[in-house]
PDB file of all heavy atoms in Angstrom:
ATOM      1  N   GLY A   1     110.713 104.581  93.210  1.00  0.00           N
ATOM      2  CA  GLY A   1     111.405 103.786  94.320  1.00  0.00           C
ATOM      3  C   GLY A   1     110.519 102.783  95.090  1.00  0.00           C
ATOM      4  O   GLY A   1     110.219 101.729  94.464  1.00  0.00           O
ATOM      5  N   VAL A   2     110.083 103.137  96.171  1.00  0.00           N
ATOM      6  CA  VAL A   2     109.192 102.203  97.035  1.00  0.00           C
ATOM      7  C   VAL A   2     107.912 102.139  96.324  1.00  0.00           C
ATOM      8  O   VAL A   2     107.426 103.138  95.638  1.00  0.00           O
ATOM      9  CB  VAL A   2     109.158 102.800  98.425  1.00  0.00           C
ATOM     10  CG1 VAL A   2     110.522 102.809  99.027  1.00  0.00           C
ATOM     11  CG2 VAL A   2     108.455 104.142  98.617  1.00  0.00           C
ATOM     12  N   ARG A   3     107.193 101.092  96.625  1.00  0.00           N
ATOM     13  CA  ARG A   3     105.753 100.923  96.174  1.00  0.00           C
ATOM     14  C   ARG A   3     104.908 100.517  97.341  1.00  0.00           C
ATOM     15  O   ARG A   3     105.320  99.918  98.252  1.00  0.00           O
ATOM     16  CB  ARG A   3     105.680  99.885  95.191  1.00  0.00           C
ATOM     17  CG  ARG A   3     106.362 100.338  93.725  1.00  0.00           C
ATOM     18  CD  ARG A   3     105.410 101.250  93.015  1.00  0.00           C
ATOM     19  NE  ARG A   3     105.904 101.696  91.831  1.00  0.00           N
ATOM     20  CZ  ARG A   3     106.679 102.706  91.556  1.00  0.00           C
ATOM     21  NH1 ARG A   3     106.921 103.471  92.518  1.00  0.00           N
ATOM     22  NH2 ARG A   3     106.924 103.037  90.277  1.00  0.00           N
ATOM     23  N   LEU A   4     103.658 100.968  97.156  1.00  0.00           N
ATOM     24  CA  LEU A   4     102.577 100.604  98.107  1.00  0.00           C
ATOM     25  C   LEU A   4     101.735  99.490  97.600  1.00  0.00           C
ATOM     26  O   LEU A   4     101.532  99.322  96.335  1.00  0.00           O
ATOM     27  CB  LEU A   4     101.577 101.879  98.373  1.00  0.00           C
ATOM     28  CG  LEU A   4     102.265 102.979  99.074  1.00  0.00           C
ATOM     29  CD1 LEU A   4     101.328 104.274  98.896  1.00  0.00           C
ATOM     30  CD2 LEU A   4     102.375 102.719 100.673  1.00  0.00           C
ATOM     31  N   PHE A   5     101.230  98.582  98.420  1.00  0.00           N
ATOM     32  CA  PHE A   5     100.350  97.554  98.019  1.00  0.00           C
ATOM     33  C   PHE A   5      99.396  97.129  99.236  1.00  0.00           C
ATOM     34  O   PHE A   5      99.849  97.432 100.366  1.00  0.00           O
ATOM     35  CB  PHE A   5     101.052  96.307  97.348  1.00  0.00           C
ATOM     36  CG  PHE A   5     101.982  95.640  98.434  1.00  0.00           C
ATOM     37  CD1 PHE A   5     101.572  94.517  99.149  1.00  0.00           C
ATOM     38  CD2 PHE A   5     103.267  96.196  98.620  1.00  0.00           C
ATOM     39  CE1 PHE A   5     102.562  93.920 100.141  1.00  0.00           C
ATOM     40  CE2 PHE A   5     104.249  95.561  99.464  1.00  0.00           C
ATOM     41  CZ  PHE A   5     103.755  94.472 100.199  1.00  0.00           C
ATOM     42  N   PHE A   6      98.341  96.424  98.827  1.00  0.00           N
ATOM     43  CA  PHE A   6      97.409  96.106 100.002  1.00  0.00           C
ATOM     44  C   PHE A   6      97.354  94.480  99.997  1.00  0.00           C
ATOM     45  O   PHE A   6      97.274  93.881  98.960  1.00  0.00           O
ATOM     46  CB  PHE A   6      95.983  96.624  99.547  1.00  0.00           C
ATOM     47  CG  PHE A   6      94.988  96.098 100.415  1.00  0.00           C
ATOM     48  CD1 PHE A   6      94.626  96.693 101.714  1.00  0.00           C
ATOM     49  CD2 PHE A   6      94.146  94.989 100.072  1.00  0.00           C
ATOM     50  CE1 PHE A   6      93.560  96.128 102.456  1.00  0.00           C
ATOM     51  CE2 PHE A   6      93.186  94.435 100.870  1.00  0.00           C
ATOM     52  CZ  PHE A   6      92.863  95.042 102.087  1.00  0.00           C
ATOM     53  N   VAL A   7      97.469  94.123 101.224  1.00  0.00           N
ATOM     54  CA  VAL A   7      97.459  92.577 101.457  1.00  0.00           C
ATOM     55  C   VAL A   7      96.894  92.301 102.906  1.00  0.00           C
ATOM     56  O   VAL A   7      97.436  92.929 103.844  1.00  0.00           O
ATOM     57  CB  VAL A   7      98.713  91.876 101.199  1.00  0.00           C
ATOM     58  CG1 VAL A   7      99.926  92.448 102.123  1.00  0.00           C
ATOM     59  CG2 VAL A   7      98.696  90.439 101.209  1.00  0.00           C
ATOM     60  N   GLU A   8      96.059  91.382 102.996  1.00  0.00           N
ATOM     61  CA  GLU A   8      95.586  90.889 104.221  1.00  0.00           C
ATOM     62  C   GLU A   8      95.143  91.944 105.200  1.00  0.00           C
ATOM     63  O   GLU A   8      95.645  91.939 106.432  1.00  0.00           O
ATOM     64  CB  GLU A   8      96.668  89.972 104.898  1.00  0.00           C
ATOM     65  CG  GLU A   8      96.954  88.691 104.031  1.00  0.00           C
ATOM     66  CD  GLU A   8      97.945  87.782 104.535  1.00  0.00           C
ATOM     67  OE1 GLU A   8      98.617  88.268 105.541  1.00  0.00           O
ATOM     68  OE2 GLU A   8      98.260  86.700 104.048  1.00  0.00           O
ATOM     69  N   GLY A   9      94.480  92.919 104.773  1.00  0.00           N
ATOM     70  CA  GLY A   9      94.070  93.995 105.652  1.00  0.00           C
ATOM     71  C   GLY A   9      94.970  95.074 105.912  1.00  0.00           C
ATOM     72  O   GLY A   9      94.773  95.861 106.969  1.00  0.00           O
ATOM     73  N   GLU A  10      96.084  95.156 105.305  1.00  0.00           N
ATOM     74  CA  GLU A  10      97.261  96.046 105.620  1.00  0.00           C
ATOM     75  C   GLU A  10      97.587  96.820 104.363  1.00  0.00           C
ATOM     76  O   GLU A  10      97.629  96.114 103.180  1.00  0.00           O
ATOM     77  CB  GLU A  10      98.348  95.361 106.175  1.00  0.00           C
ATOM     78  CG  GLU A  10      98.171  94.768 107.616  1.00  0.00           C
ATOM     79  CD  GLU A  10      99.332  94.083 108.135  1.00  0.00           C
ATOM     80  OE1 GLU A  10     100.260  93.766 107.463  1.00  0.00           O
ATOM     81  OE2 GLU A  10      99.480  93.857 109.353  1.00  0.00           O
ATOM     82  N   VAL A  11      98.001  97.997 104.454  1.00  0.00           N
ATOM     83  CA  VAL A  11      98.703  98.643 103.283  1.00  0.00           C
ATOM     84  C   VAL A  11     100.174  98.733 103.703  1.00  0.00           C
ATOM     85  O   VAL A  11     100.559  99.152 104.892  1.00  0.00           O
ATOM     86  CB  VAL A  11      98.149 100.156 103.101  1.00  0.00           C
ATOM     87  CG1 VAL A  11      99.094 100.839 102.119  1.00  0.00           C
ATOM     88  CG2 VAL A  11      96.736 100.144 102.719  1.00  0.00           C
ATOM     89  N   ARG A  12     101.017  98.157 102.801  1.00  0.00           N
ATOM     90  CA  ARG A  12     102.413  98.115 103.065  1.00  0.00           C
ATOM     91  C   ARG A  12     103.311  98.869 102.074  1.00  0.00           C
ATOM     92  O   ARG A  12     102.756  98.980 100.851  1.00  0.00           O
ATOM     93  CB  ARG A  12     102.935  96.650 103.191  1.00  0.00           C
ATOM     94  CG  ARG A  12     102.091  95.774 104.093  1.00  0.00           C
ATOM     95  CD  ARG A  12     102.578  94.371 104.072  1.00  0.00           C
ATOM     96  NE  ARG A  12     101.740  93.497 104.845  1.00  0.00           N
ATOM     97  CZ  ARG A  12     101.936  92.105 104.825  1.00  0.00           C
ATOM     98  NH1 ARG A  12     102.774  91.581 104.141  1.00  0.00           N
ATOM     99  NH2 ARG A  12     101.043  91.513 105.504  1.00  0.00           N
ATOM    100  N   VAL A  13     104.330  99.323 102.445  1.00  0.00           N
ATOM    101  CA  VAL A  13     105.207 100.050 101.560  1.00  0.00           C
ATOM    102  C   VAL A  13     106.543  98.966 101.409  1.00  0.00           C
ATOM    103  O   VAL A  13     106.947  98.471 102.427  1.00  0.00           O
ATOM    104  CB  VAL A  13     105.756 101.379 101.989  1.00  0.00           C
ATOM    105  CG1 VAL A  13     106.487 101.353 103.405  1.00  0.00           C
ATOM    106  CG2 VAL A  13     106.601 102.103 101.136  1.00  0.00           C
ATOM    107  N   ALA A  14     106.917  98.860 100.263  1.00  0.00           N
ATOM    108  CA  ALA A  14     108.069  97.901 100.078  1.00  0.00           C
ATOM    109  C   ALA A  14     109.023  98.312  98.905  1.00  0.00           C
ATOM    110  O   ALA A  14     108.720  99.082  98.026  1.00  0.00           O
ATOM    111  CB  ALA A  14     107.529  96.513  99.691  1.00  0.00           C
ATOM    112  N   ALA A  15     110.222  97.758  98.921  1.00  0.00           N
ATOM    113  CA  ALA A  15     111.184  97.927  97.837  1.00  0.00           C
ATOM    114  C   ALA A  15     112.114  96.683  97.800  1.00  0.00           C
ATOM    115  O   ALA A  15     112.410  96.177  98.916  1.00  0.00           O
ATOM    116  CB  ALA A  15     112.115  99.271  98.114  1.00  0.00           C
ATOM    117  N   ASP A  16     112.506  96.194  96.546  1.00  0.00           N
ATOM    118  CA  ASP A  16     113.411  95.150  96.486  1.00  0.00           C
ATOM    119  C   ASP A  16     114.817  95.590  96.234  1.00  0.00           C
ATOM    120  O   ASP A  16     114.994  96.571  95.343  1.00  0.00           O
ATOM    121  CB  ASP A  16     112.888  94.309  95.272  1.00  0.00           C
ATOM    122  CG  ASP A  16     111.578  93.458  95.659  1.00  0.00           C
ATOM    123  OD1 ASP A  16     111.239  93.503  96.810  1.00  0.00           O
ATOM    124  OD2 ASP A  16     111.047  92.906  94.721  1.00  0.00           O
ATOM    125  N   VAL A  17     115.832  95.006  96.746  1.00  0.00           N
ATOM    126  CA  VAL A  17     117.277  95.263  96.470  1.00  0.00           C
ATOM    127  C   VAL A  17     117.846  94.021  96.060  1.00  0.00           C
ATOM    128  O   VAL A  17     117.732  93.064  96.718  1.00  0.00           O
ATOM    129  CB  VAL A  17     117.774  95.808  97.786  1.00  0.00           C
ATOM    130  CG1 VAL A  17     119.296  96.022  97.531  1.00  0.00           C
ATOM    131  CG2 VAL A  17     117.142  96.938  98.451  1.00  0.00           C
ATOM    132  N   ARG A  18     118.509  94.131  94.786  1.00  0.00           N
ATOM    133  CA  ARG A  18     119.185  92.983  94.363  1.00  0.00           C
ATOM    134  C   ARG A  18     120.366  92.672  95.266  1.00  0.00           C
ATOM    135  O   ARG A  18     121.181  93.656  95.608  1.00  0.00           O
ATOM    136  CB  ARG A  18     119.728  93.183  92.927  1.00  0.00           C
ATOM    137  CG  ARG A  18     118.609  93.221  91.954  1.00  0.00           C
ATOM    138  CD  ARG A  18     119.286  93.289  90.559  1.00  0.00           C
ATOM    139  NE  ARG A  18     118.194  93.515  89.545  1.00  0.00           N
ATOM    140  CZ  ARG A  18     118.209  92.819  88.284  1.00  0.00           C
ATOM    141  NH1 ARG A  18     119.392  92.186  87.954  1.00  0.00           N
ATOM    142  NH2 ARG A  18     117.221  92.918  87.423  1.00  0.00           N
ATOM    143  N   LEU A  19     120.614  91.446  95.558  1.00  0.00           N
ATOM    144  CA  LEU A  19     121.718  91.106  96.464  1.00  0.00           C
ATOM    145  C   LEU A  19     123.119  91.469  95.739  1.00  0.00           C
ATOM    146  O   LEU A  19     124.041  91.681  96.479  1.00  0.00           O
ATOM    147  CB  LEU A  19     121.699  89.655  96.976  1.00  0.00           C
ATOM    148  CG  LEU A  19     120.401  89.400  97.867  1.00  0.00           C
ATOM    149  CD1 LEU A  19     120.448  87.857  98.193  1.00  0.00           C
ATOM    150  CD2 LEU A  19     120.460  90.273  99.093  1.00  0.00           C
ATOM    151  N   SER A  20     123.054  91.364  94.456  1.00  0.00           N
ATOM    152  CA  SER A  20     124.293  91.840  93.807  1.00  0.00           C
ATOM    153  C   SER A  20     124.582  93.237  94.033  1.00  0.00           C
ATOM    154  O   SER A  20     125.763  93.723  93.735  1.00  0.00           O
ATOM    155  CB  SER A  20     124.115  91.510  92.332  1.00  0.00           C
ATOM    156  OG  SER A  20     123.092  92.248  91.721  1.00  0.00           O
ATOM    157  N   GLU A  21     123.576  94.017  94.442  1.00  0.00           N
ATOM    158  CA  GLU A  21     123.811  95.476  94.798  1.00  0.00           C
ATOM    159  C   GLU A  21     123.690  95.630  96.362  1.00  0.00           C
ATOM    160  O   GLU A  21     122.898  96.451  96.764  1.00  0.00           O
ATOM    161  CB  GLU A  21     122.866  96.414  94.065  1.00  0.00           C
ATOM    162  CG  GLU A  21     123.034  96.218  92.581  1.00  0.00           C
ATOM    163  CD  GLU A  21     121.824  96.829  91.734  1.00  0.00           C
ATOM    164  OE1 GLU A  21     120.838  97.307  92.296  1.00  0.00           O
ATOM    165  OE2 GLU A  21     121.951  96.805  90.525  1.00  0.00           O
ATOM    166  N   PHE A  22     124.343  94.863  97.049  1.00  0.00           N
ATOM    167  CA  PHE A  22     124.202  94.692  98.457  1.00  0.00           C
ATOM    168  C   PHE A  22     124.394  96.161  99.265  1.00  0.00           C
ATOM    169  O   PHE A  22     123.649  96.397 100.262  1.00  0.00           O
ATOM    170  CB  PHE A  22     125.053  93.681  99.141  1.00  0.00           C
ATOM    171  CG  PHE A  22     124.833  93.431 100.581  1.00  0.00           C
ATOM    172  CD1 PHE A  22     123.778  92.530 100.854  1.00  0.00           C
ATOM    173  CD2 PHE A  22     125.530  93.988 101.611  1.00  0.00           C
ATOM    174  CE1 PHE A  22     123.399  92.275 102.154  1.00  0.00           C
ATOM    175  CE2 PHE A  22     125.275  93.543 102.957  1.00  0.00           C
ATOM    176  CZ  PHE A  22     124.185  92.805 103.235  1.00  0.00           C
ATOM    177  N   ASP A  23     125.204  96.940  98.899  1.00  0.00           N
ATOM    178  CA  ASP A  23     125.348  98.138  99.601  1.00  0.00           C
ATOM    179  C   ASP A  23     124.192  99.032  99.578  1.00  0.00           C
ATOM    180  O   ASP A  23     124.072  99.931 100.412  1.00  0.00           O
ATOM    181  CB  ASP A  23     126.635  98.948  98.980  1.00  0.00           C
ATOM    182  CG  ASP A  23     127.968  98.308  99.244  1.00  0.00           C
ATOM    183  OD1 ASP A  23     128.096  97.366 100.101  1.00  0.00           O
ATOM    184  OD2 ASP A  23     128.906  98.655  98.405  1.00  0.00           O
ATOM    185  N   ALA A  24     123.194  98.863  98.676  1.00  0.00           N
ATOM    186  CA  ALA A  24     121.993  99.642  98.735  1.00  0.00           C
ATOM    187  C   ALA A  24     120.940  99.230  99.820  1.00  0.00           C
ATOM    188  O   ALA A  24     119.968  99.831 100.070  1.00  0.00           O
ATOM    189  CB  ALA A  24     121.269  99.595  97.361  1.00  0.00           C
ATOM    190  N   LEU A  25     121.325  98.008 100.468  1.00  0.00           N
ATOM    191  CA  LEU A  25     120.295  97.447 101.349  1.00  0.00           C
ATOM    192  C   LEU A  25     120.071  98.392 102.570  1.00  0.00           C
ATOM    193  O   LEU A  25     118.989  98.646 103.030  1.00  0.00           O
ATOM    194  CB  LEU A  25     120.608  96.046 101.867  1.00  0.00           C
ATOM    195  CG  LEU A  25     119.747  95.371 102.829  1.00  0.00           C
ATOM    196  CD1 LEU A  25     118.303  95.339 102.349  1.00  0.00           C
ATOM    197  CD2 LEU A  25     120.157  94.031 103.147  1.00  0.00           C
ATOM    198  N   SER A  26     121.155  98.758 103.205  1.00  0.00           N
ATOM    199  CA  SER A  26     121.039  99.621 104.481  1.00  0.00           C
ATOM    200  C   SER A  26     120.251 101.070 104.142  1.00  0.00           C
ATOM    201  O   SER A  26     119.359 101.201 104.808  1.00  0.00           O
ATOM    202  CB  SER A  26     122.435  99.906 104.987  1.00  0.00           C
ATOM    203  OG  SER A  26     122.251 100.802 106.192  1.00  0.00           O
ATOM    204  N   PRO A  27     120.667 101.740 103.108  1.00  0.00           N
ATOM    205  CA  PRO A  27     119.891 102.910 102.925  1.00  0.00           C
ATOM    206  C   PRO A  27     118.390 102.646 102.502  1.00  0.00           C
ATOM    207  O   PRO A  27     117.472 103.470 102.720  1.00  0.00           O
ATOM    208  CB  PRO A  27     120.657 103.635 101.732  1.00  0.00           C
ATOM    209  CG  PRO A  27     121.508 102.636 101.122  1.00  0.00           C
ATOM    210  CD  PRO A  27     121.805 101.707 102.235  1.00  0.00           C
ATOM    211  N   THR A  28     118.186 101.528 101.907  1.00  0.00           N
ATOM    212  CA  THR A  28     116.803 101.228 101.526  1.00  0.00           C
ATOM    213  C   THR A  28     115.913 100.801 102.840  1.00  0.00           C
ATOM    214  O   THR A  28     114.749 101.169 102.819  1.00  0.00           O
ATOM    215  CB  THR A  28     116.680  99.944 100.688  1.00  0.00           C
ATOM    216  OG1 THR A  28     117.487 100.219  99.389  1.00  0.00           O
ATOM    217  CG2 THR A  28     115.284  99.600 100.196  1.00  0.00           C
ATOM    218  N   ILE A  29     116.551 100.283 103.873  1.00  0.00           N
ATOM    219  CA  ILE A  29     115.836 100.042 105.073  1.00  0.00           C
ATOM    220  C   ILE A  29     115.461 101.397 105.760  1.00  0.00           C
ATOM    221  O   ILE A  29     114.231 101.606 106.120  1.00  0.00           O
ATOM    222  CB  ILE A  29     116.816  99.274 106.074  1.00  0.00           C
ATOM    223  CG1 ILE A  29     117.006  97.847 105.609  1.00  0.00           C
ATOM    224  CG2 ILE A  29     115.964  99.272 107.478  1.00  0.00           C
ATOM    225  CD1 ILE A  29     118.032  97.137 106.407  1.00  0.00           C
ATOM    226  N   THR A  30     116.371 102.394 105.702  1.00  0.00           N
ATOM    227  CA  THR A  30     115.999 103.705 106.289  1.00  0.00           C
ATOM    228  C   THR A  30     114.849 104.411 105.438  1.00  0.00           C
ATOM    229  O   THR A  30     114.089 104.956 105.852  1.00  0.00           O
ATOM    230  CB  THR A  30     117.257 104.508 106.215  1.00  0.00           C
ATOM    231  OG1 THR A  30     118.238 104.007 107.066  1.00  0.00           O
ATOM    232  CG2 THR A  30     116.917 105.860 106.812  1.00  0.00           C
ATOM    233  N   GLU A  31     115.063 104.259 104.051  1.00  0.00           N
ATOM    234  CA  GLU A  31     114.169 104.818 103.198  1.00  0.00           C
ATOM    235  C   GLU A  31     112.753 104.230 103.215  1.00  0.00           C
ATOM    236  O   GLU A  31     111.745 105.122 103.501  1.00  0.00           O
ATOM    237  CB  GLU A  31     114.512 104.626 101.660  1.00  0.00           C
ATOM    238  CG  GLU A  31     113.613 105.141 100.689  1.00  0.00           C
ATOM    239  CD  GLU A  31     113.282 106.672 100.724  1.00  0.00           C
ATOM    240  OE1 GLU A  31     114.154 107.379 101.411  1.00  0.00           O
ATOM    241  OE2 GLU A  31     112.481 107.231  99.961  1.00  0.00           O
ATOM    242  N   VAL A  32     112.576 103.051 103.377  1.00  0.00           N
ATOM    243  CA  VAL A  32     111.233 102.360 103.701  1.00  0.00           C
ATOM    244  C   VAL A  32     110.748 102.776 104.979  1.00  0.00           C
ATOM    245  O   VAL A  32     109.534 103.012 105.063  1.00  0.00           O
ATOM    246  CB  VAL A  32     111.347 100.826 103.521  1.00  0.00           C
ATOM    247  CG1 VAL A  32     110.103 100.157 104.105  1.00  0.00           C
ATOM    248  CG2 VAL A  32     111.622 100.364 102.083  1.00  0.00           C
ATOM    249  N   ALA A  33     111.508 102.884 105.961  1.00  0.00           N
ATOM    250  CA  ALA A  33     110.965 103.242 107.336  1.00  0.00           C
ATOM    251  C   ALA A  33     110.530 104.609 107.307  1.00  0.00           C
ATOM    252  O   ALA A  33     109.420 105.067 107.862  1.00  0.00           O
ATOM    253  CB  ALA A  33     112.066 103.158 108.443  1.00  0.00           C
ATOM    254  N   SER A  34     111.301 105.482 106.532  1.00  0.00           N
ATOM    255  CA  SER A  34     110.679 106.906 106.357  1.00  0.00           C
ATOM    256  C   SER A  34     109.508 107.029 105.638  1.00  0.00           C
ATOM    257  O   SER A  34     108.686 107.729 105.978  1.00  0.00           O
ATOM    258  CB  SER A  34     111.928 107.762 105.709  1.00  0.00           C
ATOM    259  OG  SER A  34     111.583 109.077 105.327  1.00  0.00           O
ATOM    260  N   GLN A  35     109.349 106.375 104.540  1.00  0.00           N
ATOM    261  CA  GLN A  35     108.155 106.398 103.774  1.00  0.00           C
ATOM    262  C   GLN A  35     106.941 105.793 104.451  1.00  0.00           C
ATOM    263  O   GLN A  35     105.805 106.366 104.199  1.00  0.00           O
ATOM    264  CB  GLN A  35     108.407 105.717 102.462  1.00  0.00           C
ATOM    265  CG  GLN A  35     109.419 106.389 101.485  1.00  0.00           C
ATOM    266  CD  GLN A  35     109.135 107.800 100.983  1.00  0.00           C
ATOM    267  OE1 GLN A  35     107.921 108.251 101.263  1.00  0.00           O
ATOM    268  NE2 GLN A  35     109.893 108.462 100.412  1.00  0.00           N
ATOM    269  N   ALA A  36     107.137 104.799 105.273  1.00  0.00           N
ATOM    270  CA  ALA A  36     106.085 104.201 106.081  1.00  0.00           C
ATOM    271  C   ALA A  36     105.587 105.217 106.938  1.00  0.00           C
ATOM    272  O   ALA A  36     104.244 105.402 107.089  1.00  0.00           O
ATOM    273  CB  ALA A  36     106.537 103.045 106.904  1.00  0.00           C
ATOM    274  N   GLY A  37     106.400 106.113 107.618  1.00  0.00           N
ATOM    275  CA  GLY A  37     105.917 107.125 108.386  1.00  0.00           C
ATOM    276  C   GLY A  37     105.168 108.284 107.610  1.00  0.00           C
ATOM    277  O   GLY A  37     104.232 108.706 108.003  1.00  0.00           O
ATOM    278  N   ARG A  38     105.766 108.589 106.489  1.00  0.00           N
ATOM    279  CA  ARG A  38     105.075 109.630 105.602  1.00  0.00           C
ATOM    280  C   ARG A  38     103.779 109.264 105.109  1.00  0.00           C
ATOM    281  O   ARG A  38     102.817 109.949 105.178  1.00  0.00           O
ATOM    282  CB  ARG A  38     106.087 109.915 104.494  1.00  0.00           C
ATOM    283  CG  ARG A  38     105.579 110.800 103.395  1.00  0.00           C
ATOM    284  CD  ARG A  38     106.651 111.216 102.332  1.00  0.00           C
ATOM    285  NE  ARG A  38     106.035 111.954 101.199  1.00  0.00           N
ATOM    286  CZ  ARG A  38     105.682 111.210 100.033  1.00  0.00           C
ATOM    287  NH1 ARG A  38     105.859 109.947  99.921  1.00  0.00           N
ATOM    288  NH2 ARG A  38     105.196 111.979  99.123  1.00  0.00           N
ATOM    289  N   TYR A  39     103.777 107.964 104.556  1.00  0.00           N
ATOM    290  CA  TYR A  39     102.435 107.441 103.979  1.00  0.00           C
ATOM    291  C   TYR A  39     101.352 107.258 105.084  1.00  0.00           C
ATOM    292  O   TYR A  39     100.191 107.460 104.854  1.00  0.00           O
ATOM    293  CB  TYR A  39     102.720 106.321 103.160  1.00  0.00           C
ATOM    294  CG  TYR A  39     103.413 106.502 101.841  1.00  0.00           C
ATOM    295  CD1 TYR A  39     104.421 105.686 101.475  1.00  0.00           C
ATOM    296  CD2 TYR A  39     103.029 107.474 100.884  1.00  0.00           C
ATOM    297  CE1 TYR A  39     105.069 105.813 100.259  1.00  0.00           C
ATOM    298  CE2 TYR A  39     103.520 107.703  99.711  1.00  0.00           C
ATOM    299  CZ  TYR A  39     104.616 106.873  99.428  1.00  0.00           C
ATOM    300  OH  TYR A  39     105.223 107.143  98.132  1.00  0.00           O
ATOM    301  N   GLY A  40     102.010 106.942 106.274  1.00  0.00           N
ATOM    302  CA  GLY A  40     101.166 106.692 107.341  1.00  0.00           C
ATOM    303  C   GLY A  40     100.226 107.906 107.606  1.00  0.00           C
ATOM    304  O   GLY A  40      99.074 107.893 107.988  1.00  0.00           O
ATOM    305  N   ASP A  41     100.930 109.099 107.611  1.00  0.00           N
ATOM    306  CA  ASP A  41     100.122 110.404 107.867  1.00  0.00           C
ATOM    307  C   ASP A  41      99.121 110.697 106.845  1.00  0.00           C
ATOM    308  O   ASP A  41      98.115 111.079 107.034  1.00  0.00           O
ATOM    309  CB  ASP A  41     101.204 111.459 107.891  1.00  0.00           C
ATOM    310  CG  ASP A  41     101.977 111.437 109.038  1.00  0.00           C
ATOM    311  OD1 ASP A  41     101.715 110.870 110.039  1.00  0.00           O
ATOM    312  OD2 ASP A  41     103.242 111.999 109.023  1.00  0.00           O
ATOM    313  N   LEU A  42      99.387 110.245 105.514  1.00  0.00           N
ATOM    314  CA  LEU A  42      98.465 110.521 104.337  1.00  0.00           C
ATOM    315  C   LEU A  42      97.340 109.645 104.387  1.00  0.00           C
ATOM    316  O   LEU A  42      96.295 109.792 104.019  1.00  0.00           O
ATOM    317  CB  LEU A  42      99.214 110.470 103.043  1.00  0.00           C
ATOM    318  CG  LEU A  42     100.327 111.391 102.865  1.00  0.00           C
ATOM    319  CD1 LEU A  42     101.111 111.052 101.481  1.00  0.00           C
ATOM    320  CD2 LEU A  42      99.760 112.753 102.686  1.00  0.00           C
ATOM    321  N   MET A  43      97.551 108.332 104.966  1.00  0.00           N
ATOM    322  CA  MET A  43      96.514 107.216 104.871  1.00  0.00           C
ATOM    323  C   MET A  43      95.906 106.899 106.224  1.00  0.00           C
ATOM    324  O   MET A  43      95.215 105.849 106.331  1.00  0.00           O
ATOM    325  CB  MET A  43      97.198 106.033 104.221  1.00  0.00           C
ATOM    326  CG  MET A  43      97.778 106.233 102.816  1.00  0.00           C
ATOM    327  SD  MET A  43      98.203 104.796 101.961  1.00  0.00           S
ATOM    328  CE  MET A  43      96.509 104.253 101.368  1.00  0.00           C
TER     329      MET A  43
END
């Protein structure tokens, strides 16, 4: 699902949603926010 990457002194978590599958955008926002908190504890 989400992926981690390093850029400009930051570690970020991200996911791409095709606009043709727009209904997936809202749950993806929640998922990315959740994973940012989870990975933040680990890193």
